[in-house]
mmCIF file of all heavy atoms, coordinates in Angstrom:
data_MODEL
# 
_entry.id   MODEL 
# 
loop_
_atom_site.group_PDB 
_atom_site.id 
_atom_site.type_symbol 
_atom_site.label_atom_id 
_atom_site.label_alt_id 
_atom_site.label_comp_id 
_atom_site.label_asym_id 
_atom_site.label_entity_id 
_atom_site.label_seq_id 
_atom_site.pdbx_PDB_ins_code 
_atom_site.Cartn_x 
_atom_site.Cartn_y 
_atom_site.Cartn_z 
_atom_site.occupancy 
_atom_site.B_iso_or_equiv 
_atom_site.pdbx_formal_charge 
_atom_site.auth_seq_id 
_atom_site.auth_comp_id 
_atom_site.auth_asym_id 
_atom_site.auth_atom_id 
_atom_site.pdbx_PDB_model_num 
ATOM 1   N N   . LEU A 1 1  ? 0.793   -1.190 0.015   1.00 0.00 ? 1  LEU A N   1 
ATOM 2   C CA  . LEU A 1 1  ? 0.014   -0.003 0.012   1.00 0.00 ? 1  LEU A CA  1 
ATOM 3   C C   . LEU A 1 1  ? 0.829   1.292  0.023   1.00 0.00 ? 1  LEU A C   1 
ATOM 4   O O   . LEU A 1 1  ? 0.362   2.323  -0.444  1.00 0.00 ? 1  LEU A O   1 
ATOM 5   C CB  . LEU A 1 1  ? -0.926  0.024  1.172   1.00 0.00 ? 1  LEU A CB  1 
ATOM 6   C CG  . LEU A 1 1  ? -2.018  -1.079 1.328   1.00 0.00 ? 1  LEU A CG  1 
ATOM 7   C CD1 . LEU A 1 1  ? -2.773  -0.925 2.625   1.00 0.00 ? 1  LEU A CD1 1 
ATOM 8   C CD2 . LEU A 1 1  ? -2.896  -1.023 0.148   1.00 0.00 ? 1  LEU A CD2 1 
ATOM 9   N N   . TRP A 1 2  ? 2.089   1.199  0.473   1.00 0.00 ? 2  TRP A N   1 
ATOM 10  C CA  . TRP A 1 2  ? 2.858   2.419  0.642   1.00 0.00 ? 2  TRP A CA  1 
ATOM 11  C C   . TRP A 1 2  ? 3.208   3.085  -0.616  1.00 0.00 ? 2  TRP A C   1 
ATOM 12  O O   . TRP A 1 2  ? 3.101   4.346  -0.730  1.00 0.00 ? 2  TRP A O   1 
ATOM 13  C CB  . TRP A 1 2  ? 4.140   2.099  1.476   1.00 0.00 ? 2  TRP A CB  1 
ATOM 14  C CG  . TRP A 1 2  ? 3.845   1.698  2.921   1.00 0.00 ? 2  TRP A CG  1 
ATOM 15  C CD1 . TRP A 1 2  ? 4.107   0.492  3.419   1.00 0.00 ? 2  TRP A CD1 1 
ATOM 16  C CD2 . TRP A 1 2  ? 3.224   2.454  3.888   1.00 0.00 ? 2  TRP A CD2 1 
ATOM 17  N NE1 . TRP A 1 2  ? 3.681   0.411  4.745   1.00 0.00 ? 2  TRP A NE1 1 
ATOM 18  C CE2 . TRP A 1 2  ? 3.140   1.652  5.072   1.00 0.00 ? 2  TRP A CE2 1 
ATOM 19  C CE3 . TRP A 1 2  ? 2.725   3.774  3.990   1.00 0.00 ? 2  TRP A CE3 1 
ATOM 20  C CZ2 . TRP A 1 2  ? 2.587   2.084  6.250   1.00 0.00 ? 2  TRP A CZ2 1 
ATOM 21  C CZ3 . TRP A 1 2  ? 2.161   4.203  5.165   1.00 0.00 ? 2  TRP A CZ3 1 
ATOM 22  C CH2 . TRP A 1 2  ? 2.109   3.368  6.288   1.00 0.00 ? 2  TRP A CH2 1 
ATOM 23  N N   . PRO A 1 3  ? 3.622   2.400  -1.707  1.00 0.00 ? 3  PRO A N   1 
ATOM 24  C CA  . PRO A 1 3  ? 3.856   3.127  -2.992  1.00 0.00 ? 3  PRO A CA  1 
ATOM 25  C C   . PRO A 1 3  ? 2.607   3.798  -3.502  1.00 0.00 ? 3  PRO A C   1 
ATOM 26  O O   . PRO A 1 3  ? 2.658   4.927  -4.030  1.00 0.00 ? 3  PRO A O   1 
ATOM 27  C CB  . PRO A 1 3  ? 4.348   2.007  -3.903  1.00 0.00 ? 3  PRO A CB  1 
ATOM 28  C CG  . PRO A 1 3  ? 4.890   0.895  -3.034  1.00 0.00 ? 3  PRO A CG  1 
ATOM 29  C CD  . PRO A 1 3  ? 4.047   0.933  -1.803  1.00 0.00 ? 3  PRO A CD  1 
ATOM 30  N N   . ALA A 1 4  ? 1.480   3.065  -3.410  1.00 0.00 ? 4  ALA A N   1 
ATOM 31  C CA  . ALA A 1 4  ? 0.181   3.677  -3.896  1.00 0.00 ? 4  ALA A CA  1 
ATOM 32  C C   . ALA A 1 4  ? -0.147  4.901  -3.044  1.00 0.00 ? 4  ALA A C   1 
ATOM 33  O O   . ALA A 1 4  ? -0.632  5.899  -3.586  1.00 0.00 ? 4  ALA A O   1 
ATOM 34  C CB  . ALA A 1 4  ? -0.928  2.634  -3.847  1.00 0.00 ? 4  ALA A CB  1 
ATOM 35  N N   . LEU A 1 5  ? 0.045   4.816  -1.740  1.00 0.00 ? 5  LEU A N   1 
ATOM 36  C CA  . LEU A 1 5  ? -0.213  5.971  -0.882  1.00 0.00 ? 5  LEU A CA  1 
ATOM 37  C C   . LEU A 1 5  ? 0.647   7.171  -1.188  1.00 0.00 ? 5  LEU A C   1 
ATOM 38  O O   . LEU A 1 5  ? 0.227   8.304  -1.193  1.00 0.00 ? 5  LEU A O   1 
ATOM 39  C CB  . LEU A 1 5  ? -0.028  5.550  0.586   1.00 0.00 ? 5  LEU A CB  1 
ATOM 40  C CG  . LEU A 1 5  ? -0.575  6.523  1.661   1.00 0.00 ? 5  LEU A CG  1 
ATOM 41  C CD1 . LEU A 1 5  ? -2.057  6.778  1.508   1.00 0.00 ? 5  LEU A CD1 1 
ATOM 42  C CD2 . LEU A 1 5  ? -0.289  5.975  3.083   1.00 0.00 ? 5  LEU A CD2 1 
ATOM 43  N N   . ALA A 1 6  ? 1.988   6.865  -1.495  1.00 0.00 ? 6  ALA A N   1 
ATOM 44  C CA  . ALA A 1 6  ? 2.886   7.955  -1.865  1.00 0.00 ? 6  ALA A CA  1 
ATOM 45  C C   . ALA A 1 6  ? 2.445   8.576  -3.156  1.00 0.00 ? 6  ALA A C   1 
ATOM 46  O O   . ALA A 1 6  ? 2.533   9.803  -3.333  1.00 0.00 ? 6  ALA A O   1 
ATOM 47  C CB  . ALA A 1 6  ? 4.293   7.372  -1.957  1.00 0.00 ? 6  ALA A CB  1 
ATOM 48  N N   . LEU A 1 7  ? 2.048   7.762  -4.156  1.00 0.00 ? 7  LEU A N   1 
ATOM 49  C CA  . LEU A 1 7  ? 1.614   8.301  -5.422  1.00 0.00 ? 7  LEU A CA  1 
ATOM 50  C C   . LEU A 1 7  ? 0.354   9.176  -5.276  1.00 0.00 ? 7  LEU A C   1 
ATOM 51  O O   . LEU A 1 7  ? 0.207   10.224 -5.900  1.00 0.00 ? 7  LEU A O   1 
ATOM 52  C CB  . LEU A 1 7  ? 1.312   7.138  -6.380  1.00 0.00 ? 7  LEU A CB  1 
ATOM 53  C CG  . LEU A 1 7  ? 2.509   6.504  -7.129  1.00 0.00 ? 7  LEU A CG  1 
ATOM 54  C CD1 . LEU A 1 7  ? 1.989   5.315  -7.940  1.00 0.00 ? 7  LEU A CD1 1 
ATOM 55  C CD2 . LEU A 1 7  ? 3.206   7.539  -8.015  1.00 0.00 ? 7  LEU A CD2 1 
ATOM 56  N N   . LEU A 1 8  ? -0.534  8.699  -4.413  1.00 0.00 ? 8  LEU A N   1 
ATOM 57  C CA  . LEU A 1 8  ? -1.768  9.476  -4.141  1.00 0.00 ? 8  LEU A CA  1 
ATOM 58  C C   . LEU A 1 8  ? -1.471  10.803 -3.540  1.00 0.00 ? 8  LEU A C   1 
ATOM 59  O O   . LEU A 1 8  ? -1.990  11.856 -3.885  1.00 0.00 ? 8  LEU A O   1 
ATOM 60  C CB  . LEU A 1 8  ? -2.774  8.675  -3.302  1.00 0.00 ? 8  LEU A CB  1 
ATOM 61  C CG  . LEU A 1 8  ? -4.037  9.448  -2.885  1.00 0.00 ? 8  LEU A CG  1 
ATOM 62  C CD1 . LEU A 1 8  ? -4.832  9.856  -4.101  1.00 0.00 ? 8  LEU A CD1 1 
ATOM 63  C CD2 . LEU A 1 8  ? -4.909  8.526  -1.989  1.00 0.00 ? 8  LEU A CD2 1 
ATOM 64  N N   . ALA A 1 9  ? -0.556  10.791 -2.520  1.00 0.00 ? 9  ALA A N   1 
ATOM 65  C CA  . ALA A 1 9  ? -0.173  12.034 -1.875  1.00 0.00 ? 9  ALA A CA  1 
ATOM 66  C C   . ALA A 1 9  ? 0.494   13.020 -2.837  1.00 0.00 ? 9  ALA A C   1 
ATOM 67  O O   . ALA A 1 9  ? 0.150   14.214 -2.872  1.00 0.00 ? 9  ALA A O   1 
ATOM 68  C CB  . ALA A 1 9  ? 0.827   11.760 -0.723  1.00 0.00 ? 9  ALA A CB  1 
ATOM 69  N N   . ALA A 1 10 ? 1.355   12.520 -3.749  1.00 0.00 ? 10 ALA A N   1 
ATOM 70  C CA  . ALA A 1 10 ? 1.978   13.369 -4.743  1.00 0.00 ? 10 ALA A CA  1 
ATOM 71  C C   . ALA A 1 10 ? 0.952   13.908 -5.707  1.00 0.00 ? 10 ALA A C   1 
ATOM 72  O O   . ALA A 1 10 ? 0.964   15.074 -6.085  1.00 0.00 ? 10 ALA A O   1 
ATOM 73  C CB  . ALA A 1 10 ? 3.037   12.593 -5.480  1.00 0.00 ? 10 ALA A CB  1 
ATOM 74  N N   . SER A 1 11 ? -0.041  13.085 -6.147  1.00 0.00 ? 11 SER A N   1 
ATOM 75  C CA  . SER A 1 11 ? -1.048  13.506 -7.019  1.00 0.00 ? 11 SER A CA  1 
ATOM 76  C C   . SER A 1 11 ? -1.964  14.595 -6.425  1.00 0.00 ? 11 SER A C   1 
ATOM 77  O O   . SER A 1 11 ? -2.293  15.598 -7.073  1.00 0.00 ? 11 SER A O   1 
ATOM 78  C CB  . SER A 1 11 ? -1.879  12.295 -7.466  1.00 0.00 ? 11 SER A CB  1 
ATOM 79  O OG  . SER A 1 11 ? -1.200  11.324 -8.096  1.00 0.00 ? 11 SER A OG  1 
ATOM 80  N N   . CYS A 1 12 ? -2.256  14.429 -5.142  1.00 0.00 ? 12 CYS A N   1 
ATOM 81  C CA  . CYS A 1 12 ? -3.099  15.429 -4.453  1.00 0.00 ? 12 CYS A CA  1 
ATOM 82  C C   . CYS A 1 12 ? -2.339  16.782 -4.325  1.00 0.00 ? 12 CYS A C   1 
ATOM 83  O O   . CYS A 1 12 ? -2.969  17.856 -4.545  1.00 0.00 ? 12 CYS A O   1 
ATOM 84  C CB  . CYS A 1 12 ? -3.509  14.898 -3.081  1.00 0.00 ? 12 CYS A CB  1 
ATOM 85  S SG  . CYS A 1 12 ? -4.644  13.541 -3.081  1.00 0.00 ? 12 CYS A SG  1 
ATOM 86  N N   . VAL A 1 13 ? -1.077  16.730 -3.989  1.00 0.00 ? 13 VAL A N   1 
ATOM 87  C CA  . VAL A 1 13 ? -0.287  17.958 -3.873  1.00 0.00 ? 13 VAL A CA  1 
ATOM 88  C C   . VAL A 1 13 ? -0.188  18.651 -5.210  1.00 0.00 ? 13 VAL A C   1 
ATOM 89  O O   . VAL A 1 13 ? -0.391  19.860 -5.326  1.00 0.00 ? 13 VAL A O   1 
ATOM 90  C CB  . VAL A 1 13 ? 1.102   17.623 -3.304  1.00 0.00 ? 13 VAL A CB  1 
ATOM 91  C CG1 . VAL A 1 13 ? 1.991   18.884 -3.373  1.00 0.00 ? 13 VAL A CG1 1 
ATOM 92  C CG2 . VAL A 1 13 ? 1.031   17.167 -1.868  1.00 0.00 ? 13 VAL A CG2 1 
ATOM 93  N N   . LEU A 1 14 ? 0.092   17.925 -6.276  1.00 0.00 ? 14 LEU A N   1 
ATOM 94  C CA  . LEU A 1 14 ? 0.146   18.538 -7.587  1.00 0.00 ? 14 LEU A CA  1 
ATOM 95  C C   . LEU A 1 14 ? -1.179  19.111 -8.018  1.00 0.00 ? 14 LEU A C   1 
ATOM 96  O O   . LEU A 1 14 ? -1.263  20.183 -8.605  1.00 0.00 ? 14 LEU A O   1 
ATOM 97  C CB  . LEU A 1 14 ? 0.612   17.507 -8.619  1.00 0.00 ? 14 LEU A CB  1 
ATOM 98  C CG  . LEU A 1 14 ? 2.104   17.102 -8.530  1.00 0.00 ? 14 LEU A CG  1 
ATOM 99  C CD1 . LEU A 1 14 ? 2.389   15.951 -9.495  1.00 0.00 ? 14 LEU A CD1 1 
ATOM 100 C CD2 . LEU A 1 14 ? 3.030   18.312 -8.849  1.00 0.00 ? 14 LEU A CD2 1 
ATOM 101 N N   . PHE A 1 15 ? -2.290  18.354 -7.737  1.00 0.00 ? 15 PHE A N   1 
ATOM 102 C CA  . PHE A 1 15 ? -3.599  18.851 -8.153  1.00 0.00 ? 15 PHE A CA  1 
ATOM 103 C C   . PHE A 1 15 ? -3.941  20.164 -7.463  1.00 0.00 ? 15 PHE A C   1 
ATOM 104 O O   . PHE A 1 15 ? -4.512  21.071 -8.043  1.00 0.00 ? 15 PHE A O   1 
ATOM 105 C CB  . PHE A 1 15 ? -4.660  17.799 -7.837  1.00 0.00 ? 15 PHE A CB  1 
ATOM 106 C CG  . PHE A 1 15 ? -6.024  18.205 -8.194  1.00 0.00 ? 15 PHE A CG  1 
ATOM 107 C CD1 . PHE A 1 15 ? -6.482  18.091 -9.494  1.00 0.00 ? 15 PHE A CD1 1 
ATOM 108 C CD2 . PHE A 1 15 ? -6.908  18.678 -7.241  1.00 0.00 ? 15 PHE A CD2 1 
ATOM 109 C CE1 . PHE A 1 15 ? -7.754  18.483 -9.848  1.00 0.00 ? 15 PHE A CE1 1 
ATOM 110 C CE2 . PHE A 1 15 ? -8.193  19.046 -7.532  1.00 0.00 ? 15 PHE A CE2 1 
ATOM 111 C CZ  . PHE A 1 15 ? -8.662  18.988 -8.871  1.00 0.00 ? 15 PHE A CZ  1 
ATOM 112 N N   . MET A 1 16 ? -3.558  20.266 -6.164  1.00 0.00 ? 16 MET A N   1 
ATOM 113 C CA  . MET A 1 16 ? -3.946  21.456 -5.384  1.00 0.00 ? 16 MET A CA  1 
ATOM 114 C C   . MET A 1 16 ? -3.041  22.641 -5.671  1.00 0.00 ? 16 MET A C   1 
ATOM 115 O O   . MET A 1 16 ? -3.506  23.803 -5.488  1.00 0.00 ? 16 MET A O   1 
ATOM 116 C CB  . MET A 1 16 ? -3.863  21.124 -3.880  1.00 0.00 ? 16 MET A CB  1 
ATOM 117 C CG  . MET A 1 16 ? -4.953  20.113 -3.436  1.00 0.00 ? 16 MET A CG  1 
ATOM 118 S SD  . MET A 1 16 ? -6.582  20.674 -3.542  1.00 0.00 ? 16 MET A SD  1 
ATOM 119 C CE  . MET A 1 16 ? -6.642  21.959 -2.295  1.00 0.00 ? 16 MET A CE  1 
ATOM 120 N N   . THR A 1 17 ? -1.795  22.408 -6.099  1.00 0.00 ? 17 THR A N   1 
ATOM 121 C CA  . THR A 1 17 ? -0.892  23.538 -6.214  1.00 0.00 ? 17 THR A CA  1 
ATOM 122 C C   . THR A 1 17 ? -0.430  23.888 -7.604  1.00 0.00 ? 17 THR A C   1 
ATOM 123 O O   . THR A 1 17 ? 0.033   25.009 -7.878  1.00 0.00 ? 17 THR A O   1 
ATOM 124 C CB  . THR A 1 17 ? 0.394   23.201 -5.417  1.00 0.00 ? 17 THR A CB  1 
ATOM 125 O OG1 . THR A 1 17 ? 1.044   21.989 -5.941  1.00 0.00 ? 17 THR A OG1 1 
ATOM 126 C CG2 . THR A 1 17 ? 0.055   22.936 -3.951  1.00 0.00 ? 17 THR A CG2 1 
ATOM 127 N N   . LEU A 1 18 ? -0.545  22.985 -8.549  1.00 0.00 ? 18 LEU A N   1 
ATOM 128 C CA  . LEU A 1 18 ? -0.005  23.200 -9.920  1.00 0.00 ? 18 LEU A CA  1 
ATOM 129 C C   . LEU A 1 18 ? -0.781  24.365 -10.614 1.00 0.00 ? 18 LEU A C   1 
ATOM 130 O O   . LEU A 1 18 ? -2.020  24.322 -10.708 1.00 0.00 ? 18 LEU A O   1 
ATOM 131 C CB  . LEU A 1 18 ? -0.158  21.908 -10.757 1.00 0.00 ? 18 LEU A CB  1 
ATOM 132 C CG  . LEU A 1 18 ? 0.714   21.861 -12.009 1.00 0.00 ? 18 LEU A CG  1 
ATOM 133 C CD1 . LEU A 1 18 ? 2.194   21.921 -11.679 1.00 0.00 ? 18 LEU A CD1 1 
ATOM 134 C CD2 . LEU A 1 18 ? 0.382   20.559 -12.778 1.00 0.00 ? 18 LEU A CD2 1 
ATOM 135 N N   . GLY A 1 19 ? -0.050  25.337 -10.994 1.00 0.00 ? 19 GLY A N   1 
ATOM 136 C CA  . GLY A 1 19 ? -0.664  26.497 -11.726 1.00 0.00 ? 19 GLY A CA  1 
ATOM 137 C C   . GLY A 1 19 ? -1.477  27.421 -10.873 1.00 0.00 ? 19 GLY A C   1 
ATOM 138 O O   . GLY A 1 19 ? -2.301  28.172 -11.404 1.00 0.00 ? 19 GLY A O   1 
ATOM 139 N N   . ALA A 1 20 ? -1.284  27.362 -9.561  1.00 0.00 ? 20 ALA A N   1 
ATOM 140 C CA  . ALA A 1 20 ? -2.082  28.230 -8.652  1.00 0.00 ? 20 ALA A CA  1 
ATOM 141 C C   . ALA A 1 20 ? -1.703  29.708 -8.781  1.00 0.00 ? 20 ALA A C   1 
ATOM 142 O O   . ALA A 1 20 ? -2.558  30.565 -8.646  1.00 0.00 ? 20 ALA A O   1 
ATOM 143 C CB  . ALA A 1 20 ? -1.939  27.748 -7.202  1.00 0.00 ? 20 ALA A CB  1 
ATOM 144 N N   . ASN A 1 21 ? -0.437  29.997 -9.018  1.00 0.00 ? 21 ASN A N   1 
ATOM 145 C CA  . ASN A 1 21 ? 0.094   31.361 -9.179  1.00 0.00 ? 21 ASN A CA  1 
ATOM 146 C C   . ASN A 1 21 ? -0.251  32.281 -8.010  1.00 0.00 ? 21 ASN A C   1 
ATOM 147 O O   . ASN A 1 21 ? -0.487  33.445 -8.151  1.00 0.00 ? 21 ASN A O   1 
ATOM 148 C CB  . ASN A 1 21 ? -0.514  31.944 -10.482 1.00 0.00 ? 21 ASN A CB  1 
ATOM 149 C CG  . ASN A 1 21 ? -0.085  31.174 -11.713 1.00 0.00 ? 21 ASN A CG  1 
ATOM 150 O OD1 . ASN A 1 21 ? 1.058   30.684 -11.786 1.00 0.00 ? 21 ASN A OD1 1 
ATOM 151 N ND2 . ASN A 1 21 ? -0.979  31.054 -12.663 1.00 0.00 ? 21 ASN A ND2 1 
ATOM 152 N N   . GLY A 1 22 ? -0.293  31.712 -6.794  1.00 0.00 ? 22 GLY A N   1 
ATOM 153 C CA  . GLY A 1 22 ? -0.452  32.512 -5.612  1.00 0.00 ? 22 GLY A CA  1 
ATOM 154 C C   . GLY A 1 22 ? -1.865  32.861 -5.253  1.00 0.00 ? 22 GLY A C   1 
ATOM 155 O O   . GLY A 1 22 ? -2.091  33.454 -4.164  1.00 0.00 ? 22 GLY A O   1 
ATOM 156 N N   . HIS A 1 23 ? -2.856  32.505 -6.055  1.00 0.00 ? 23 HIS A N   1 
ATOM 157 C CA  . HIS A 1 23 ? -4.269  32.845 -5.726  1.00 0.00 ? 23 HIS A CA  1 
ATOM 158 C C   . HIS A 1 23 ? -4.897  31.789 -4.809  1.00 0.00 ? 23 HIS A C   1 
ATOM 159 O O   . HIS A 1 23 ? -5.845  31.137 -5.203  1.00 0.00 ? 23 HIS A O   1 
ATOM 160 C CB  . HIS A 1 23 ? -5.076  32.998 -7.026  1.00 0.00 ? 23 HIS A CB  1 
ATOM 161 C CG  . HIS A 1 23 ? -4.514  34.053 -7.948  1.00 0.00 ? 23 HIS A CG  1 
ATOM 162 N ND1 . HIS A 1 23 ? -4.498  35.417 -7.676  1.00 0.00 ? 23 HIS A ND1 1 
ATOM 163 C CD2 . HIS A 1 23 ? -3.856  33.888 -9.157  1.00 0.00 ? 23 HIS A CD2 1 
ATOM 164 C CE1 . HIS A 1 23 ? -3.966  36.045 -8.683  1.00 0.00 ? 23 HIS A CE1 1 
ATOM 165 N NE2 . HIS A 1 23 ? -3.522  35.188 -9.582  1.00 0.00 ? 23 HIS A NE2 1 
ATOM 166 N N   . TRP A 1 24 ? -4.299  31.637 -3.639  1.00 0.00 ? 24 TRP A N   1 
ATOM 167 C CA  . TRP A 1 24 ? -4.670  30.475 -2.782  1.00 0.00 ? 24 TRP A CA  1 
ATOM 168 C C   . TRP A 1 24 ? -6.078  30.606 -2.241  1.00 0.00 ? 24 TRP A C   1 
ATOM 169 O O   . TRP A 1 24 ? -6.775  29.601 -2.046  1.00 0.00 ? 24 TRP A O   1 
ATOM 170 C CB  . TRP A 1 24 ? -3.671  30.368 -1.622  1.00 0.00 ? 24 TRP A CB  1 
ATOM 171 C CG  . TRP A 1 24 ? -2.298  30.138 -2.140  1.00 0.00 ? 24 TRP A CG  1 
ATOM 172 C CD1 . TRP A 1 24 ? -1.252  31.025 -2.034  1.00 0.00 ? 24 TRP A CD1 1 
ATOM 173 C CD2 . TRP A 1 24 ? -1.752  29.011 -2.767  1.00 0.00 ? 24 TRP A CD2 1 
ATOM 174 N NE1 . TRP A 1 24 ? -0.099  30.496 -2.564  1.00 0.00 ? 24 TRP A NE1 1 
ATOM 175 C CE2 . TRP A 1 24 ? -0.386  29.232 -3.054  1.00 0.00 ? 24 TRP A CE2 1 
ATOM 176 C CE3 . TRP A 1 24 ? -2.297  27.760 -3.172  1.00 0.00 ? 24 TRP A CE3 1 
ATOM 177 C CZ2 . TRP A 1 24 ? 0.442   28.290 -3.669  1.00 0.00 ? 24 TRP A CZ2 1 
ATOM 178 C CZ3 . TRP A 1 24 ? -1.488  26.844 -3.794  1.00 0.00 ? 24 TRP A CZ3 1 
ATOM 179 C CH2 . TRP A 1 24 ? -0.139  27.150 -4.070  1.00 0.00 ? 24 TRP A CH2 1 
ATOM 180 N N   . ASP A 1 25 ? -6.538  31.793 -1.963  1.00 0.00 ? 25 ASP A N   1 
ATOM 181 C CA  . ASP A 1 25 ? -7.911  31.974 -1.376  1.00 0.00 ? 25 ASP A CA  1 
ATOM 182 C C   . ASP A 1 25 ? -8.986  31.539 -2.313  1.00 0.00 ? 25 ASP A C   1 
ATOM 183 O O   . ASP A 1 25 ? -10.101 31.176 -1.948  1.00 0.00 ? 25 ASP A O   1 
ATOM 184 C CB  . ASP A 1 25 ? -8.149  33.418 -0.901  1.00 0.00 ? 25 ASP A CB  1 
ATOM 185 C CG  . ASP A 1 25 ? -7.891  34.422 -2.037  1.00 0.00 ? 25 ASP A CG  1 
ATOM 186 O OD1 . ASP A 1 25 ? -7.172  34.070 -3.017  1.00 0.00 ? 25 ASP A OD1 1 
ATOM 187 O OD2 . ASP A 1 25 ? -8.370  35.550 -1.932  1.00 0.00 ? 25 ASP A OD2 1 
ATOM 188 N N   . PHE A 1 26 ? -8.704  31.610 -3.605  1.00 0.00 ? 26 PHE A N   1 
ATOM 189 C CA  . PHE A 1 26 ? -9.672  31.118 -4.654  1.00 0.00 ? 26 PHE A CA  1 
ATOM 190 C C   . PHE A 1 26 ? -9.436  29.693 -5.041  1.00 0.00 ? 26 PHE A C   1 
ATOM 191 O O   . PHE A 1 26 ? -10.338 28.910 -5.200  1.00 0.00 ? 26 PHE A O   1 
ATOM 192 C CB  . PHE A 1 26 ? -9.619  32.014 -5.874  1.00 0.00 ? 26 PHE A CB  1 
ATOM 193 C CG  . PHE A 1 26 ? -10.425 31.503 -7.045  1.00 0.00 ? 26 PHE A CG  1 
ATOM 194 C CD1 . PHE A 1 26 ? -11.791 31.574 -7.062  1.00 0.00 ? 26 PHE A CD1 1 
ATOM 195 C CD2 . PHE A 1 26 ? -9.804  30.895 -8.105  1.00 0.00 ? 26 PHE A CD2 1 
ATOM 196 C CE1 . PHE A 1 26 ? -12.495 31.074 -8.126  1.00 0.00 ? 26 PHE A CE1 1 
ATOM 197 C CE2 . PHE A 1 26 ? -10.489 30.383 -9.195  1.00 0.00 ? 26 PHE A CE2 1 
ATOM 198 C CZ  . PHE A 1 26 ? -11.878 30.495 -9.185  1.00 0.00 ? 26 PHE A CZ  1 
ATOM 199 N N   . VAL A 1 27 ? -8.128  29.310 -5.192  1.00 0.00 ? 27 VAL A N   1 
ATOM 200 C CA  . VAL A 1 27 ? -7.758  28.015 -5.735  1.00 0.00 ? 27 VAL A CA  1 
ATOM 201 C C   . VAL A 1 27 ? -8.064  26.887 -4.780  1.00 0.00 ? 27 VAL A C   1 
ATOM 202 O O   . VAL A 1 27 ? -8.616  25.868 -5.113  1.00 0.00 ? 27 VAL A O   1 
ATOM 203 C CB  . VAL A 1 27 ? -6.287  28.040 -6.149  1.00 0.00 ? 27 VAL A CB  1 
ATOM 204 C CG1 . VAL A 1 27 ? -5.802  26.617 -6.460  1.00 0.00 ? 27 VAL A CG1 1 
ATOM 205 C CG2 . VAL A 1 27 ? -6.092  28.941 -7.325  1.00 0.00 ? 27 VAL A CG2 1 
ATOM 206 N N   . LEU A 1 28 ? -7.640  27.089 -3.497  1.00 0.00 ? 28 LEU A N   1 
ATOM 207 C CA  . LEU A 1 28 ? -7.739  25.989 -2.621  1.00 0.00 ? 28 LEU A CA  1 
ATOM 208 C C   . LEU A 1 28 ? -9.174  25.529 -2.288  1.00 0.00 ? 28 LEU A C   1 
ATOM 209 O O   . LEU A 1 28 ? -9.446  24.290 -2.323  1.00 0.00 ? 28 LEU A O   1 
ATOM 210 C CB  . LEU A 1 28 ? -7.040  26.345 -1.213  1.00 0.00 ? 28 LEU A CB  1 
ATOM 211 C CG  . LEU A 1 28 ? -5.516  26.472 -1.354  1.00 0.00 ? 28 LEU A CG  1 
ATOM 212 C CD1 . LEU A 1 28 ? -4.921  26.798 0.039   1.00 0.00 ? 28 LEU A CD1 1 
ATOM 213 C CD2 . LEU A 1 28 ? -4.882  25.156 -1.821  1.00 0.00 ? 28 LEU A CD2 1 
# 
């Protein structure tokens, strides 16, 4: 499960932050 969990964590971080350009109050 650990590799899958690591992949999911990386995917979630990328999804939440990629291309945000600092507009966190709208993006998040």
